[in-house]
mmCIF file of all heavy atoms, coordinates in Angstrom:
data_MODEL
# 
_entry.id   MODEL 
# 
loop_
_atom_site.group_PDB 
_atom_site.id 
_atom_site.type_symbol 
_atom_site.label_atom_id 
_atom_site.label_alt_id 
_atom_site.label_comp_id 
_atom_site.label_asym_id 
_atom_site.label_entity_id 
_atom_site.label_seq_id 
_atom_site.pdbx_PDB_ins_code 
_atom_site.Cartn_x 
_atom_site.Cartn_y 
_atom_site.Cartn_z 
_atom_site.occupancy 
_atom_site.B_iso_or_equiv 
_atom_site.pdbx_formal_charge 
_atom_site.auth_seq_id 
_atom_site.auth_comp_id 
_atom_site.auth_asym_id 
_atom_site.auth_atom_id 
_atom_site.pdbx_PDB_model_num 
ATOM 1   N N   . CYS A 1 1  ? 0.855   -1.180  0.000   1.00 0.00 ? 1  CYS A N   1 
ATOM 2   C CA  . CYS A 1 1  ? 0.000   0.000   0.000   1.00 0.00 ? 1  CYS A CA  1 
ATOM 3   C C   . CYS A 1 1  ? 0.893   1.232   0.000   1.00 0.00 ? 1  CYS A C   1 
ATOM 4   O O   . CYS A 1 1  ? 2.064   1.180   0.392   1.00 0.00 ? 1  CYS A O   1 
ATOM 5   C CB  . CYS A 1 1  ? -0.947  0.014   1.187   1.00 0.00 ? 1  CYS A CB  1 
ATOM 6   S SG  . CYS A 1 1  ? -0.173  0.232   2.795   1.00 0.00 ? 1  CYS A SG  1 
ATOM 7   N N   . ALA A 1 2  ? 0.331   2.339   -0.441  1.00 0.00 ? 2  ALA A N   1 
ATOM 8   C CA  . ALA A 1 2  ? 1.110   3.564   -0.568  1.00 0.00 ? 2  ALA A CA  1 
ATOM 9   C C   . ALA A 1 2  ? 0.213   4.787   -0.447  1.00 0.00 ? 2  ALA A C   1 
ATOM 10  O O   . ALA A 1 2  ? -0.990  4.712   -0.697  1.00 0.00 ? 2  ALA A O   1 
ATOM 11  C CB  . ALA A 1 2  ? 1.835   3.583   -1.915  1.00 0.00 ? 2  ALA A CB  1 
ATOM 12  N N   . VAL A 1 3  ? 0.840   5.904   -0.060  1.00 0.00 ? 3  VAL A N   1 
ATOM 13  C CA  . VAL A 1 3  ? 0.135   7.176   0.060   1.00 0.00 ? 3  VAL A CA  1 
ATOM 14  C C   . VAL A 1 3  ? 0.831   8.189   -0.837  1.00 0.00 ? 3  VAL A C   1 
ATOM 15  O O   . VAL A 1 3  ? 2.066   8.257   -0.868  1.00 0.00 ? 3  VAL A O   1 
ATOM 16  C CB  . VAL A 1 3  ? 0.137   7.679   1.513   1.00 0.00 ? 3  VAL A CB  1 
ATOM 17  C CG1 . VAL A 1 3  ? -0.555  9.039   1.601   1.00 0.00 ? 3  VAL A CG1 1 
ATOM 18  C CG2 . VAL A 1 3  ? -0.526  6.676   2.428   1.00 0.00 ? 3  VAL A CG2 1 
ATOM 19  N N   . SER A 1 4  ? 0.042   8.969   -1.545  1.00 0.00 ? 4  SER A N   1 
ATOM 20  C CA  . SER A 1 4  ? 0.610   9.907   -2.511  1.00 0.00 ? 4  SER A CA  1 
ATOM 21  C C   . SER A 1 4  ? 1.335   11.061  -1.833  1.00 0.00 ? 4  SER A C   1 
ATOM 22  O O   . SER A 1 4  ? 1.030   11.444  -0.699  1.00 0.00 ? 4  SER A O   1 
ATOM 23  C CB  . SER A 1 4  ? -0.483  10.454  -3.440  1.00 0.00 ? 4  SER A CB  1 
ATOM 24  O OG  . SER A 1 4  ? -1.386  11.268  -2.720  1.00 0.00 ? 4  SER A OG  1 
ATOM 25  N N   . ARG A 1 5  ? 2.291   11.598  -2.564  1.00 0.00 ? 5  ARG A N   1 
ATOM 26  C CA  . ARG A 1 5  ? 3.058   12.743  -2.081  1.00 0.00 ? 5  ARG A CA  1 
ATOM 27  C C   . ARG A 1 5  ? 2.198   14.002  -2.051  1.00 0.00 ? 5  ARG A C   1 
ATOM 28  O O   . ARG A 1 5  ? 2.265   14.783  -1.103  1.00 0.00 ? 5  ARG A O   1 
ATOM 29  C CB  . ARG A 1 5  ? 4.280   12.959  -2.981  1.00 0.00 ? 5  ARG A CB  1 
ATOM 30  C CG  . ARG A 1 5  ? 5.147   14.127  -2.621  1.00 0.00 ? 5  ARG A CG  1 
ATOM 31  C CD  . ARG A 1 5  ? 6.361   14.181  -3.526  1.00 0.00 ? 5  ARG A CD  1 
ATOM 32  N NE  . ARG A 1 5  ? 7.195   12.985  -3.422  1.00 0.00 ? 5  ARG A NE  1 
ATOM 33  C CZ  . ARG A 1 5  ? 7.243   12.009  -4.322  1.00 0.00 ? 5  ARG A CZ  1 
ATOM 34  N NH1 . ARG A 1 5  ? 6.498   12.067  -5.421  1.00 0.00 ? 5  ARG A NH1 1 
ATOM 35  N NH2 . ARG A 1 5  ? 8.023   10.970  -4.156  1.00 0.00 ? 5  ARG A NH2 1 
ATOM 36  N N   . GLU A 1 6  ? 1.407   14.188  -3.075  1.00 0.00 ? 6  GLU A N   1 
ATOM 37  C CA  . GLU A 1 6  ? 0.578   15.386  -3.189  1.00 0.00 ? 6  GLU A CA  1 
ATOM 38  C C   . GLU A 1 6  ? -0.859  15.084  -2.757  1.00 0.00 ? 6  GLU A C   1 
ATOM 39  O O   . GLU A 1 6  ? -1.274  13.924  -2.702  1.00 0.00 ? 6  GLU A O   1 
ATOM 40  C CB  . GLU A 1 6  ? 0.582   15.886  -4.644  1.00 0.00 ? 6  GLU A CB  1 
ATOM 41  C CG  . GLU A 1 6  ? 1.959   16.145  -5.218  1.00 0.00 ? 6  GLU A CG  1 
ATOM 42  C CD  . GLU A 1 6  ? 2.645   17.316  -4.550  1.00 0.00 ? 6  GLU A CD  1 
ATOM 43  O OE1 . GLU A 1 6  ? 1.914   18.177  -3.994  1.00 0.00 ? 6  GLU A OE1 1 
ATOM 44  O OE2 . GLU A 1 6  ? 3.883   17.386  -4.571  1.00 0.00 ? 6  GLU A OE2 1 
ATOM 45  N N   . THR A 1 7  ? -1.606  16.129  -2.513  1.00 0.00 ? 7  THR A N   1 
ATOM 46  C CA  . THR A 1 7  ? -3.022  15.948  -2.229  1.00 0.00 ? 7  THR A CA  1 
ATOM 47  C C   . THR A 1 7  ? -3.751  15.527  -3.505  1.00 0.00 ? 7  THR A C   1 
ATOM 48  O O   . THR A 1 7  ? -3.244  15.717  -4.616  1.00 0.00 ? 7  THR A O   1 
ATOM 49  C CB  . THR A 1 7  ? -3.640  17.247  -1.698  1.00 0.00 ? 7  THR A CB  1 
ATOM 50  O OG1 . THR A 1 7  ? -3.442  18.297  -2.653  1.00 0.00 ? 7  THR A OG1 1 
ATOM 51  C CG2 . THR A 1 7  ? -3.014  17.641  -0.371  1.00 0.00 ? 7  THR A CG2 1 
ATOM 52  N N   . SER A 1 8  ? -4.902  14.947  -3.323  1.00 0.00 ? 8  SER A N   1 
ATOM 53  C CA  . SER A 1 8  ? -5.672  14.450  -4.460  1.00 0.00 ? 8  SER A CA  1 
ATOM 54  C C   . SER A 1 8  ? -5.953  15.570  -5.459  1.00 0.00 ? 8  SER A C   1 
ATOM 55  O O   . SER A 1 8  ? -6.254  16.702  -5.072  1.00 0.00 ? 8  SER A O   1 
ATOM 56  C CB  . SER A 1 8  ? -6.995  13.853  -3.997  1.00 0.00 ? 8  SER A CB  1 
ATOM 57  O OG  . SER A 1 8  ? -6.774  12.691  -3.226  1.00 0.00 ? 8  SER A OG  1 
ATOM 58  N N   . SER A 1 9  ? -5.844  15.207  -6.742  1.00 0.00 ? 9  SER A N   1 
ATOM 59  C CA  . SER A 1 9  ? -6.178  16.168  -7.790  1.00 0.00 ? 9  SER A CA  1 
ATOM 60  C C   . SER A 1 9  ? -7.654  16.047  -8.134  1.00 0.00 ? 9  SER A C   1 
ATOM 61  O O   . SER A 1 9  ? -8.380  15.222  -7.559  1.00 0.00 ? 9  SER A O   1 
ATOM 62  C CB  . SER A 1 9  ? -5.327  15.890  -9.028  1.00 0.00 ? 9  SER A CB  1 
ATOM 63  O OG  . SER A 1 9  ? -5.757  14.690  -9.642  1.00 0.00 ? 9  SER A OG  1 
ATOM 64  N N   . TRP A 1 10 ? -8.084  16.862  -9.107  1.00 0.00 ? 10 TRP A N   1 
ATOM 65  C CA  . TRP A 1 10 ? -9.465  16.811  -9.541  1.00 0.00 ? 10 TRP A CA  1 
ATOM 66  C C   . TRP A 1 10 ? -9.691  15.742  -10.606 1.00 0.00 ? 10 TRP A C   1 
ATOM 67  O O   . TRP A 1 10 ? -10.819 15.489  -11.013 1.00 0.00 ? 10 TRP A O   1 
ATOM 68  C CB  . TRP A 1 10 ? -9.901  18.173  -10.085 1.00 0.00 ? 10 TRP A CB  1 
ATOM 69  C CG  . TRP A 1 10 ? -9.990  19.198  -9.014  1.00 0.00 ? 10 TRP A CG  1 
ATOM 70  C CD1 . TRP A 1 10 ? -9.110  20.197  -8.771  1.00 0.00 ? 10 TRP A CD1 1 
ATOM 71  C CD2 . TRP A 1 10 ? -11.007 19.286  -8.001  1.00 0.00 ? 10 TRP A CD2 1 
ATOM 72  N NE1 . TRP A 1 10 ? -9.515  20.927  -7.677  1.00 0.00 ? 10 TRP A NE1 1 
ATOM 73  C CE2 . TRP A 1 10 ? -10.654 20.400  -7.185  1.00 0.00 ? 10 TRP A CE2 1 
ATOM 74  C CE3 . TRP A 1 10 ? -12.162 18.556  -7.715  1.00 0.00 ? 10 TRP A CE3 1 
ATOM 75  C CZ2 . TRP A 1 10 ? -11.448 20.782  -6.096  1.00 0.00 ? 10 TRP A CZ2 1 
ATOM 76  C CZ3 . TRP A 1 10 ? -12.941 18.942  -6.634  1.00 0.00 ? 10 TRP A CZ3 1 
ATOM 77  C CH2 . TRP A 1 10 ? -12.575 20.044  -5.846  1.00 0.00 ? 10 TRP A CH2 1 
ATOM 78  N N   . SER A 1 11 ? -8.617  15.094  -11.042 1.00 0.00 ? 11 SER A N   1 
ATOM 79  C CA  . SER A 1 11 ? -8.764  14.033  -12.052 1.00 0.00 ? 11 SER A CA  1 
ATOM 80  C C   . SER A 1 11 ? -8.605  12.677  -11.364 1.00 0.00 ? 11 SER A C   1 
ATOM 81  O O   . SER A 1 11 ? -8.737  12.572  -10.152 1.00 0.00 ? 11 SER A O   1 
ATOM 82  C CB  . SER A 1 11 ? -7.726  14.233  -13.153 1.00 0.00 ? 11 SER A CB  1 
ATOM 83  O OG  . SER A 1 11 ? -6.433  14.150  -12.626 1.00 0.00 ? 11 SER A OG  1 
ATOM 84  N N   . ASP A 1 12 ? -8.331  11.660  -12.157 1.00 0.00 ? 12 ASP A N   1 
ATOM 85  C CA  . ASP A 1 12 ? -8.226  10.308  -11.617 1.00 0.00 ? 12 ASP A CA  1 
ATOM 86  C C   . ASP A 1 12 ? -7.072  10.196  -10.626 1.00 0.00 ? 12 ASP A C   1 
ATOM 87  O O   . ASP A 1 12 ? -6.080  10.930  -10.727 1.00 0.00 ? 12 ASP A O   1 
ATOM 88  C CB  . ASP A 1 12 ? -8.023  9.308   -12.750 1.00 0.00 ? 12 ASP A CB  1 
ATOM 89  C CG  . ASP A 1 12 ? -9.275  9.116   -13.570 1.00 0.00 ? 12 ASP A CG  1 
ATOM 90  O OD1 . ASP A 1 12 ? -10.371 9.445   -13.075 1.00 0.00 ? 12 ASP A OD1 1 
ATOM 91  O OD2 . ASP A 1 12 ? -9.172  8.634   -14.707 1.00 0.00 ? 12 ASP A OD2 1 
ATOM 92  N N   . PRO A 1 13 ? -7.154  9.276   -9.691  1.00 0.00 ? 13 PRO A N   1 
ATOM 93  C CA  . PRO A 1 13 ? -6.067  9.076   -8.726  1.00 0.00 ? 13 PRO A CA  1 
ATOM 94  C C   . PRO A 1 13 ? -4.755  8.725   -9.417  1.00 0.00 ? 13 PRO A C   1 
ATOM 95  O O   . PRO A 1 13 ? -4.739  8.213   -10.540 1.00 0.00 ? 13 PRO A O   1 
ATOM 96  C CB  . PRO A 1 13 ? -6.567  7.892   -7.893  1.00 0.00 ? 13 PRO A CB  1 
ATOM 97  C CG  . PRO A 1 13 ? -8.040  7.918   -8.022  1.00 0.00 ? 13 PRO A CG  1 
ATOM 98  C CD  . PRO A 1 13 ? -8.305  8.394   -9.409  1.00 0.00 ? 13 PRO A CD  1 
ATOM 99  N N   . PHE A 1 14 ? -3.668  9.045   -8.738  1.00 0.00 ? 14 PHE A N   1 
ATOM 100 C CA  . PHE A 1 14 ? -2.334  8.792   -9.277  1.00 0.00 ? 14 PHE A CA  1 
ATOM 101 C C   . PHE A 1 14 ? -2.096  7.284   -9.447  1.00 0.00 ? 14 PHE A C   1 
ATOM 102 O O   . PHE A 1 14 ? -2.454  6.484   -8.585  1.00 0.00 ? 14 PHE A O   1 
ATOM 103 C CB  . PHE A 1 14 ? -1.265  9.349   -8.346  1.00 0.00 ? 14 PHE A CB  1 
ATOM 104 C CG  . PHE A 1 14 ? -1.412  10.820  -8.071  1.00 0.00 ? 14 PHE A CG  1 
ATOM 105 C CD1 . PHE A 1 14 ? -1.670  11.278  -6.791  1.00 0.00 ? 14 PHE A CD1 1 
ATOM 106 C CD2 . PHE A 1 14 ? -1.278  11.752  -9.087  1.00 0.00 ? 14 PHE A CD2 1 
ATOM 107 C CE1 . PHE A 1 14 ? -1.808  12.631  -6.517  1.00 0.00 ? 14 PHE A CE1 1 
ATOM 108 C CE2 . PHE A 1 14 ? -1.408  13.108  -8.825  1.00 0.00 ? 14 PHE A CE2 1 
ATOM 109 C CZ  . PHE A 1 14 ? -1.675  13.551  -7.538  1.00 0.00 ? 14 PHE A CZ  1 
ATOM 110 N N   . SER A 1 15 ? -1.471  6.919   -10.536 1.00 0.00 ? 15 SER A N   1 
ATOM 111 C CA  . SER A 1 15 ? -1.119  5.524   -10.765 1.00 0.00 ? 15 SER A CA  1 
ATOM 112 C C   . SER A 1 15 ? 0.388   5.312   -10.897 1.00 0.00 ? 15 SER A C   1 
ATOM 113 O O   . SER A 1 15 ? 0.851   4.175   -10.924 1.00 0.00 ? 15 SER A O   1 
ATOM 114 C CB  . SER A 1 15 ? -1.810  4.984   -12.025 1.00 0.00 ? 15 SER A CB  1 
ATOM 115 O OG  . SER A 1 15 ? -1.380  5.710   -13.168 1.00 0.00 ? 15 SER A OG  1 
ATOM 116 N N   . GLU A 1 16 ? 1.138   6.414   -10.973 1.00 0.00 ? 16 GLU A N   1 
ATOM 117 C CA  . GLU A 1 16 ? 2.588   6.279   -11.128 1.00 0.00 ? 16 GLU A CA  1 
ATOM 118 C C   . GLU A 1 16 ? 3.253   6.050   -9.776  1.00 0.00 ? 16 GLU A C   1 
ATOM 119 O O   . GLU A 1 16 ? 2.914   6.703   -8.792  1.00 0.00 ? 16 GLU A O   1 
ATOM 120 C CB  . GLU A 1 16 ? 3.181   7.554   -11.761 1.00 0.00 ? 16 GLU A CB  1 
ATOM 121 C CG  . GLU A 1 16 ? 2.570   7.952   -13.087 1.00 0.00 ? 16 GLU A CG  1 
ATOM 122 C CD  . GLU A 1 16 ? 1.280   8.724   -12.924 1.00 0.00 ? 16 GLU A CD  1 
ATOM 123 O OE1 . GLU A 1 16 ? 0.920   9.079   -11.777 1.00 0.00 ? 16 GLU A OE1 1 
ATOM 124 O OE2 . GLU A 1 16 ? 0.600   8.966   -13.940 1.00 0.00 ? 16 GLU A OE2 1 
ATOM 125 N N   . ILE A 1 17 ? 4.212   5.146   -9.754  1.00 0.00 ? 17 ILE A N   1 
ATOM 126 C CA  . ILE A 1 17 ? 4.946   4.867   -8.521  1.00 0.00 ? 17 ILE A CA  1 
ATOM 127 C C   . ILE A 1 17 ? 5.587   6.140   -7.977  1.00 0.00 ? 17 ILE A C   1 
ATOM 128 O O   . ILE A 1 17 ? 5.594   6.383   -6.768  1.00 0.00 ? 17 ILE A O   1 
ATOM 129 C CB  . ILE A 1 17 ? 6.006   3.788   -8.781  1.00 0.00 ? 17 ILE A CB  1 
ATOM 130 C CG1 . ILE A 1 17 ? 5.330   2.434   -9.039  1.00 0.00 ? 17 ILE A CG1 1 
ATOM 131 C CG2 . ILE A 1 17 ? 6.990   3.687   -7.622  1.00 0.00 ? 17 ILE A CG2 1 
ATOM 132 C CD1 . ILE A 1 17 ? 6.282   1.330   -9.423  1.00 0.00 ? 17 ILE A CD1 1 
ATOM 133 N N   . SER A 1 18 ? 6.084   6.978   -8.852  1.00 0.00 ? 18 SER A N   1 
ATOM 134 C CA  . SER A 1 18 ? 6.790   8.192   -8.436  1.00 0.00 ? 18 SER A CA  1 
ATOM 135 C C   . SER A 1 18 ? 5.876   9.196   -7.739  1.00 0.00 ? 18 SER A C   1 
ATOM 136 O O   . SER A 1 18 ? 6.361   10.130  -7.097  1.00 0.00 ? 18 SER A O   1 
ATOM 137 C CB  . SER A 1 18 ? 7.441   8.854   -9.651  1.00 0.00 ? 18 SER A CB  1 
ATOM 138 O OG  . SER A 1 18 ? 6.462   9.188   -10.624 1.00 0.00 ? 18 SER A OG  1 
ATOM 139 N N   . SER A 1 19 ? 4.564   9.012   -7.847  1.00 0.00 ? 19 SER A N   1 
ATOM 140 C CA  . SER A 1 19 ? 3.618   9.922   -7.200  1.00 0.00 ? 19 SER A CA  1 
ATOM 141 C C   . SER A 1 19 ? 3.388   9.575   -5.733  1.00 0.00 ? 19 SER A C   1 
ATOM 142 O O   . SER A 1 19 ? 2.727   10.319  -5.022  1.00 0.00 ? 19 SER A O   1 
ATOM 143 C CB  . SER A 1 19 ? 2.276   9.911   -7.932  1.00 0.00 ? 19 SER A CB  1 
ATOM 144 O OG  . SER A 1 19 ? 2.404   10.418  -9.241  1.00 0.00 ? 19 SER A OG  1 
ATOM 145 N N   . TYR A 1 20 ? 3.925   8.452   -5.312  1.00 0.00 ? 20 TYR A N   1 
ATOM 146 C CA  . TYR A 1 20 ? 3.695   7.968   -3.948  1.00 0.00 ? 20 TYR A CA  1 
ATOM 147 C C   . TYR A 1 20 ? 4.968   8.052   -3.125  1.00 0.00 ? 20 TYR A C   1 
ATOM 148 O O   . TYR A 1 20 ? 6.039   7.639   -3.573  1.00 0.00 ? 20 TYR A O   1 
ATOM 149 C CB  . TYR A 1 20 ? 3.160   6.537   -3.984  1.00 0.00 ? 20 TYR A CB  1 
ATOM 150 C CG  . TYR A 1 20 ? 1.751   6.480   -4.530  1.00 0.00 ? 20 TYR A CG  1 
ATOM 151 C CD1 . TYR A 1 20 ? 1.513   6.495   -5.900  1.00 0.00 ? 20 TYR A CD1 1 
ATOM 152 C CD2 . TYR A 1 20 ? 0.656   6.461   -3.672  1.00 0.00 ? 20 TYR A CD2 1 
ATOM 153 C CE1 . TYR A 1 20 ? 0.224   6.484   -6.396  1.00 0.00 ? 20 TYR A CE1 1 
ATOM 154 C CE2 . TYR A 1 20 ? -0.638  6.439   -4.157  1.00 0.00 ? 20 TYR A CE2 1 
ATOM 155 C CZ  . TYR A 1 20 ? -0.846  6.457   -5.526  1.00 0.00 ? 20 TYR A CZ  1 
ATOM 156 O OH  . TYR A 1 20 ? -2.123  6.454   -6.012  1.00 0.00 ? 20 TYR A OH  1 
ATOM 157 N N   . SER A 1 21 ? 4.832   8.560   -1.909  1.00 0.00 ? 21 SER A N   1 
ATOM 158 C CA  . SER A 1 21 ? 6.027   8.789   -1.096  1.00 0.00 ? 21 SER A CA  1 
ATOM 159 C C   . SER A 1 21 ? 6.091   7.930   0.156   1.00 0.00 ? 21 SER A C   1 
ATOM 160 O O   . SER A 1 21 ? 7.153   7.795   0.752   1.00 0.00 ? 21 SER A O   1 
ATOM 161 C CB  . SER A 1 21 ? 6.113   10.262  -0.700  1.00 0.00 ? 21 SER A CB  1 
ATOM 162 O OG  . SER A 1 21 ? 4.942   10.662  -0.022  1.00 0.00 ? 21 SER A OG  1 
ATOM 163 N N   . TYR A 1 22 ? 4.986   7.370   0.581   1.00 0.00 ? 22 TYR A N   1 
ATOM 164 C CA  . TYR A 1 22 ? 4.966   6.501   1.754   1.00 0.00 ? 22 TYR A CA  1 
ATOM 165 C C   . TYR A 1 22 ? 4.556   5.101   1.320   1.00 0.00 ? 22 TYR A C   1 
ATOM 166 O O   . TYR A 1 22 ? 3.572   4.949   0.584   1.00 0.00 ? 22 TYR A O   1 
ATOM 167 C CB  . TYR A 1 22 ? 3.995   7.008   2.822   1.00 0.00 ? 22 TYR A CB  1 
ATOM 168 C CG  . TYR A 1 22 ? 4.352   8.364   3.382   1.00 0.00 ? 22 TYR A CG  1 
ATOM 169 C CD1 . TYR A 1 22 ? 3.662   9.503   2.985   1.00 0.00 ? 22 TYR A CD1 1 
ATOM 170 C CD2 . TYR A 1 22 ? 5.379   8.499   4.314   1.00 0.00 ? 22 TYR A CD2 1 
ATOM 171 C CE1 . TYR A 1 22 ? 3.979   10.747  3.497   1.00 0.00 ? 22 TYR A CE1 1 
ATOM 172 C CE2 . TYR A 1 22 ? 5.706   9.742   4.833   1.00 0.00 ? 22 TYR A CE2 1 
ATOM 173 C CZ  . TYR A 1 22 ? 5.004   10.857  4.417   1.00 0.00 ? 22 TYR A CZ  1 
ATOM 174 O OH  . TYR A 1 22 ? 5.324   12.086  4.924   1.00 0.00 ? 22 TYR A OH  1 
ATOM 175 N N   . TRP A 1 23 ? 5.304   4.111   1.796   1.00 0.00 ? 23 TRP A N   1 
ATOM 176 C CA  . TRP A 1 23 ? 5.078   2.724   1.378   1.00 0.00 ? 23 TRP A CA  1 
ATOM 177 C C   . TRP A 1 23 ? 5.081   1.797   2.590   1.00 0.00 ? 23 TRP A C   1 
ATOM 178 O O   . TRP A 1 23 ? 5.832   2.005   3.547   1.00 0.00 ? 23 TRP A O   1 
ATOM 179 C CB  . TRP A 1 23 ? 6.175   2.260   0.419   1.00 0.00 ? 23 TRP A CB  1 
ATOM 180 C CG  . TRP A 1 23 ? 6.154   2.977   -0.887  1.00 0.00 ? 23 TRP A CG  1 
ATOM 181 C CD1 . TRP A 1 23 ? 6.748   4.174   -1.183  1.00 0.00 ? 23 TRP A CD1 1 
ATOM 182 C CD2 . TRP A 1 23 ? 5.498   2.556   -2.078  1.00 0.00 ? 23 TRP A CD2 1 
ATOM 183 N NE1 . TRP A 1 23 ? 6.494   4.520   -2.494  1.00 0.00 ? 23 TRP A NE1 1 
ATOM 184 C CE2 . TRP A 1 23 ? 5.729   3.535   -3.068  1.00 0.00 ? 23 TRP A CE2 1 
ATOM 185 C CE3 . TRP A 1 23 ? 4.724   1.436   -2.424  1.00 0.00 ? 23 TRP A CE3 1 
ATOM 186 C CZ2 . TRP A 1 23 ? 5.227   3.434   -4.371  1.00 0.00 ? 23 TRP A CZ2 1 
ATOM 187 C CZ3 . TRP A 1 23 ? 4.230   1.335   -3.708  1.00 0.00 ? 23 TRP A CZ3 1 
ATOM 188 C CH2 . TRP A 1 23 ? 4.476   2.322   -4.671  1.00 0.00 ? 23 TRP A CH2 1 
ATOM 189 N N   . GLY A 1 24 ? 4.267   0.752   2.501   1.00 0.00 ? 24 GLY A N   1 
ATOM 190 C CA  . GLY A 1 24 ? 4.305   -0.293  3.497   1.00 0.00 ? 24 GLY A CA  1 
ATOM 191 C C   . GLY A 1 24 ? 5.379   -1.307  3.169   1.00 0.00 ? 24 GLY A C   1 
ATOM 192 O O   . GLY A 1 24 ? 6.076   -1.199  2.149   1.00 0.00 ? 24 GLY A O   1 
ATOM 193 N N   . GLN A 1 25 ? 5.488   -2.322  4.023   1.00 0.00 ? 25 GLN A N   1 
ATOM 194 C CA  . GLN A 1 25 ? 6.534   -3.335  3.846   1.00 0.00 ? 25 GLN A CA  1 
ATOM 195 C C   . GLN A 1 25 ? 6.089   -4.470  2.931   1.00 0.00 ? 25 GLN A C   1 
ATOM 196 O O   . GLN A 1 25 ? 6.910   -5.266  2.499   1.00 0.00 ? 25 GLN A O   1 
ATOM 197 C CB  . GLN A 1 25 ? 6.956   -3.904  5.209   1.00 0.00 ? 25 GLN A CB  1 
ATOM 198 C CG  . GLN A 1 25 ? 6.068   -5.016  5.756   1.00 0.00 ? 25 GLN A CG  1 
ATOM 199 C CD  . GLN A 1 25 ? 4.688   -4.562  6.177   1.00 0.00 ? 25 GLN A CD  1 
ATOM 200 O OE1 . GLN A 1 25 ? 4.428   -3.371  6.320   1.00 0.00 ? 25 GLN A OE1 1 
ATOM 201 N NE2 . GLN A 1 25 ? 3.799   -5.515  6.409   1.00 0.00 ? 25 GLN A NE2 1 
ATOM 202 N N   . GLY A 1 26 ? 4.809   -4.529  2.644   1.00 0.00 ? 26 GLY A N   1 
ATOM 203 C CA  . GLY A 1 26 ? 4.283   -5.531  1.723   1.00 0.00 ? 26 GLY A CA  1 
ATOM 204 C C   . GLY A 1 26 ? 3.699   -6.747  2.420   1.00 0.00 ? 26 GLY A C   1 
ATOM 205 O O   . GLY A 1 26 ? 4.085   -7.101  3.533   1.00 0.00 ? 26 GLY A O   1 
ATOM 206 N N   . THR A 1 27 ? 2.754   -7.372  1.748   1.00 0.00 ? 27 THR A N   1 
ATOM 207 C CA  . THR A 1 27 ? 2.167   -8.620  2.229   1.00 0.00 ? 27 THR A CA  1 
ATOM 208 C C   . THR A 1 27 ? 2.070   -9.576  1.048   1.00 0.00 ? 27 THR A C   1 
ATOM 209 O O   . THR A 1 27 ? 1.664   -9.190  -0.049  1.00 0.00 ? 27 THR A O   1 
ATOM 210 C CB  . THR A 1 27 ? 0.783   -8.380  2.872   1.00 0.00 ? 27 THR A CB  1 
ATOM 211 O OG1 . THR A 1 27 ? 0.289   -9.606  3.427   1.00 0.00 ? 27 THR A OG1 1 
ATOM 212 C CG2 . THR A 1 27 ? -0.229  -7.837  1.883   1.00 0.00 ? 27 THR A CG2 1 
ATOM 213 N N   . GLN A 1 28 ? 2.458   -10.830 1.282   1.00 0.00 ? 28 GLN A N   1 
ATOM 214 C CA  . GLN A 1 28 ? 2.522   -11.816 0.201   1.00 0.00 ? 28 GLN A CA  1 
ATOM 215 C C   . GLN A 1 28 ? 1.145   -12.404 -0.075  1.00 0.00 ? 28 GLN A C   1 
ATOM 216 O O   . GLN A 1 28 ? 0.443   -12.833 0.845   1.00 0.00 ? 28 GLN A O   1 
ATOM 217 C CB  . GLN A 1 28 ? 3.487   -12.937 0.572   1.00 0.00 ? 28 GLN A CB  1 
ATOM 218 C CG  . GLN A 1 28 ? 3.563   -14.072 -0.440  1.00 0.00 ? 28 GLN A CG  1 
ATOM 219 C CD  . GLN A 1 28 ? 4.246   -13.666 -1.735  1.00 0.00 ? 28 GLN A CD  1 
ATOM 220 O OE1 . GLN A 1 28 ? 5.293   -13.024 -1.710  1.00 0.00 ? 28 GLN A OE1 1 
ATOM 221 N NE2 . GLN A 1 28 ? 3.665   -14.032 -2.875  1.00 0.00 ? 28 GLN A NE2 1 
ATOM 222 N N   . VAL A 1 29 ? 0.798   -12.431 -1.336  1.00 0.00 ? 29 VAL A N   1 
ATOM 223 C CA  . VAL A 1 29 ? -0.410  -13.111 -1.806  1.00 0.00 ? 29 VAL A CA  1 
ATOM 224 C C   . VAL A 1 29 ? 0.027   -14.195 -2.777  1.00 0.00 ? 29 VAL A C   1 
ATOM 225 O O   . VAL A 1 29 ? 0.706   -13.897 -3.764  1.00 0.00 ? 29 VAL A O   1 
ATOM 226 C CB  . VAL A 1 29 ? -1.380  -12.135 -2.491  1.00 0.00 ? 29 VAL A CB  1 
ATOM 227 C CG1 . VAL A 1 29 ? -2.535  -12.904 -3.144  1.00 0.00 ? 29 VAL A CG1 1 
ATOM 228 C CG2 . VAL A 1 29 ? -1.912  -11.122 -1.489  1.00 0.00 ? 29 VAL A CG2 1 
# 
């Protein structure tokens, strides 16, 4: 999971990895 660096825009949510600055450690599926 990740949280974006910037606040939400008026268009679709960010999909680029570079737009996200906080990341979890991951969970295996």
